[in-house]
Protein backbone atom coordinates (compact mmCIF):
# COMPACT_ATOMS: atom_id res chain seq x y z
CA MET A 1 23.64 8.02 6.10
CA ILE A 2 25.09 7.47 2.66
CA ASN A 3 28.84 7.41 2.36
CA SER A 4 29.07 8.93 5.88
CA LYS A 5 26.86 11.87 4.85
CA PRO A 6 23.59 12.20 6.78
CA LEU A 7 20.29 12.44 4.95
CA SER A 8 17.83 14.96 6.30
CA SER A 9 14.87 13.21 7.93
CA LYS A 10 12.80 16.35 7.27
CA GLU A 11 13.63 16.27 3.57
CA PHE A 12 12.91 12.53 3.50
CA MET A 13 9.50 13.02 5.13
CA TRP A 14 8.76 15.91 2.76
CA ALA A 15 9.45 13.57 -0.18
CA TYR A 16 7.45 10.75 1.42
CA LYS A 17 4.39 12.92 2.02
CA LYS A 18 4.67 14.44 -1.46
CA SER A 19 4.58 11.01 -3.06
CA HIS A 20 1.82 9.77 -0.73
CA ASN A 21 -0.68 12.63 -1.20
CA GLY A 22 0.31 14.30 2.07
CA ASN A 23 -0.39 11.19 4.11
CA THR A 24 1.82 10.23 7.01
CA PRO A 25 3.42 6.77 7.06
CA SER A 26 0.93 4.00 7.70
CA ASP A 27 3.50 1.78 9.34
CA TYR A 28 7.19 1.12 9.80
CA ASN A 29 7.45 -1.35 6.89
CA ASP A 30 5.81 1.12 4.50
CA LEU A 31 8.28 3.79 5.56
CA LEU A 32 11.24 1.40 5.29
CA SER A 33 10.16 0.36 1.81
CA TYR A 34 9.99 3.99 0.70
CA LEU A 35 13.32 4.72 2.40
CA ASN A 36 15.00 2.05 0.28
CA LEU A 37 13.62 3.66 -2.89
CA TYR A 38 14.81 7.04 -1.60
CA ILE A 39 18.27 5.66 -0.84
CA ASN A 40 18.51 4.14 -4.33
CA PHE A 41 17.58 7.52 -5.78
CA LYS A 42 20.21 9.30 -3.66
CA LEU A 43 22.85 6.71 -4.62
CA LYS A 44 22.19 7.31 -8.31
CA VAL A 45 22.45 11.06 -7.76
CA LEU A 46 25.73 10.60 -5.90
CA ASP A 47 27.05 8.51 -8.80
CA ALA A 48 25.96 11.21 -11.27
CA ARG A 49 27.87 13.81 -9.26
CA GLU A 50 30.94 11.55 -9.09
CA MET A 51 30.76 11.36 -12.90
CA GLY A 52 30.62 15.16 -13.07
CA LEU A 53 27.17 15.29 -14.65
CA ASP A 54 26.26 18.23 -12.39
CA LYS A 55 29.05 20.24 -14.06
CA ASN A 56 27.54 19.74 -17.52
CA THR A 57 26.58 23.05 -19.14
CA THR A 58 23.25 21.76 -20.45
CA TYR A 59 22.35 20.53 -16.97
CA GLN A 60 23.27 23.84 -15.36
CA GLU A 61 21.23 25.78 -17.93
CA GLU A 62 18.22 23.53 -17.33
CA ILE A 63 18.44 24.18 -13.58
CA LYS A 64 18.63 27.95 -14.14
CA THR A 65 15.57 27.78 -16.40
CA TYR A 66 13.66 25.87 -13.73
CA GLU A 67 14.64 28.35 -11.02
CA SER A 68 13.46 31.20 -13.26
CA ALA A 69 10.17 29.41 -13.92
CA LEU A 70 9.65 28.92 -10.18
CA ALA A 71 10.30 32.60 -9.53
CA THR A 72 7.95 33.65 -12.35
CA HIS A 73 5.04 31.46 -11.28
CA LYS A 74 5.37 32.33 -7.60
CA LYS A 75 3.47 29.19 -6.65
CA ILE A 76 5.97 28.75 -3.89
CA SER A 77 7.96 31.34 -2.02
CA ASN A 78 11.59 31.24 -3.13
CA THR A 79 12.73 31.14 0.45
CA GLY A 80 12.25 28.48 3.09
CA LYS A 81 12.51 24.72 3.30
CA ASP A 82 9.75 23.86 0.83
CA TYR A 83 11.50 25.86 -1.87
CA ASP A 84 14.87 24.27 -1.00
CA TYR A 85 13.37 20.77 -1.07
CA LEU A 86 11.57 21.42 -4.34
CA LEU A 87 14.70 22.77 -6.00
CA THR A 88 16.83 19.92 -4.66
CA GLU A 89 14.26 17.40 -5.84
CA TYR A 90 14.34 18.87 -9.34
CA LYS A 91 18.14 19.09 -9.52
CA GLU A 92 18.56 15.55 -8.27
CA GLY A 93 15.75 14.25 -10.47
CA VAL A 94 17.45 15.61 -13.58
CA LEU A 95 20.79 14.13 -12.47
CA MET A 96 19.16 10.76 -11.78
CA PHE A 97 17.51 10.83 -15.20
CA ASN A 98 20.79 11.74 -16.93
CA VAL A 99 22.85 9.07 -15.18
CA SER A 100 20.14 6.43 -15.74
CA GLU A 101 20.11 7.34 -19.41
CA GLN A 102 23.85 6.68 -19.64
CA LYS A 103 24.08 3.63 -17.40
CA ILE A 104 20.87 1.83 -18.37
CA TRP A 105 18.73 3.08 -21.23
CA GLU A 106 21.38 3.95 -23.83
CA LYS A 107 23.37 0.86 -22.96
CA ALA A 108 20.38 -1.40 -23.52
CA GLN A 109 19.42 0.35 -26.76
CA GLU A 110 22.90 0.49 -28.28
CA ASP A 111 24.49 -2.80 -27.23
CA GLU A 112 22.77 -5.38 -29.44
CA GLN A 113 25.24 -8.07 -28.45
CA ALA A 114 24.57 -7.59 -24.74
CA VAL A 115 20.80 -7.87 -25.33
CA ASP A 116 21.33 -11.02 -27.42
CA ASP A 117 23.56 -12.49 -24.71
CA PHE A 118 21.00 -11.62 -22.01
CA TYR A 119 18.25 -13.31 -24.04
CA ARG A 120 20.34 -16.47 -24.53
CA LYS A 121 21.21 -16.67 -20.82
CA ASN A 122 17.55 -16.21 -19.85
CA LYS A 123 15.86 -18.01 -22.75
CA GLN A 124 13.96 -20.25 -20.32
CA ASN A 125 11.98 -17.15 -19.23
CA TYR A 126 10.66 -16.47 -22.73
CA ASN A 127 8.28 -18.46 -24.95
CA LYS A 128 9.05 -16.62 -28.17
CA GLN A 129 11.97 -15.74 -30.39
CA LEU A 130 13.96 -12.62 -29.56
CA SER A 131 12.77 -10.85 -32.70
CA GLU A 132 9.15 -11.18 -31.50
CA ILE A 133 9.72 -9.95 -27.94
CA ARG A 134 12.75 -7.69 -28.26
CA GLY A 135 11.05 -4.85 -26.30
CA GLU A 136 10.27 -7.16 -23.37
CA VAL A 137 13.83 -8.53 -23.36
CA ILE A 138 15.30 -5.02 -23.46
CA ALA A 139 13.09 -4.01 -20.52
CA ASP A 140 14.27 -7.07 -18.55
CA TYR A 141 17.87 -6.33 -19.48
CA GLN A 142 17.47 -2.73 -18.30
CA GLN A 143 16.07 -4.03 -15.01
CA LYS A 144 19.11 -6.29 -14.64
CA LEU A 145 21.47 -3.40 -15.42
CA GLU A 146 19.78 -1.27 -12.77
CA GLU A 147 19.90 -4.05 -10.15
CA ASP A 148 23.61 -4.60 -10.80
CA TRP A 149 24.29 -0.86 -10.73
CA LEU A 150 22.49 -0.40 -7.41
CA LYS A 151 24.28 -3.40 -5.92
CA ASN A 152 27.62 -1.86 -6.93
CA LEU A 153 26.60 1.55 -5.57
CA ARG A 154 25.63 0.03 -2.21
CA GLU A 155 29.01 -1.68 -2.07
CA LYS A 156 30.87 1.50 -3.04
CA TYR A 157 28.94 3.90 -0.79
CA PRO A 158 28.09 2.51 2.65
CA VAL A 159 24.48 3.01 3.72
CA LYS A 160 23.54 3.14 7.39
CA ILE A 161 19.93 3.39 8.55
CA ASN A 162 19.18 4.78 12.00
CA GLU A 163 16.42 2.35 13.01
CA ASN A 164 15.40 4.41 16.06
CA GLU A 165 14.91 7.55 13.96
CA LEU A 166 12.93 5.57 11.38
CA LYS A 167 10.67 4.17 14.12
CA LYS A 168 10.07 7.71 15.40
CA LEU A 169 9.17 8.88 11.88
CA ALA A 170 6.76 5.98 11.48
CA LYS A 171 4.90 7.14 14.59
CA LEU A 172 4.51 10.78 13.45
């Protein structure tokens, strides 16, 4: 559950199998590791919705274009759970990309002072001057921004994992 809203175990397993070439979970720890990635993804999507990014006209047009493309290609029936999961995955993926762009990538690219400050605070981790390794420092700064963002999201939106359900899924 995220913020008291249940996540579908069927949708979760669909996503897991899709990212693991159709394979079922090898063990509980593997499934738990993927679940944490999945939860982070869902938290970012929730944040994007809270920011109103799903109301953005460009976003809505992109989703309509994707739905039209799906209907045209007919690679998947536009009814049933697979279609719903695929469409949800796309919608949420675009939202996650858009919110990450605002919260992480643009911030790291546009805030020179923050990158400089990050470099100075972490200078012991680097053997070269900032001008020589700026790309590496920006990547590390983006990682720090994401970690802080996820920490804040987990504080803002309570996450509860049903261990018994996860154990059942690991045995499927």
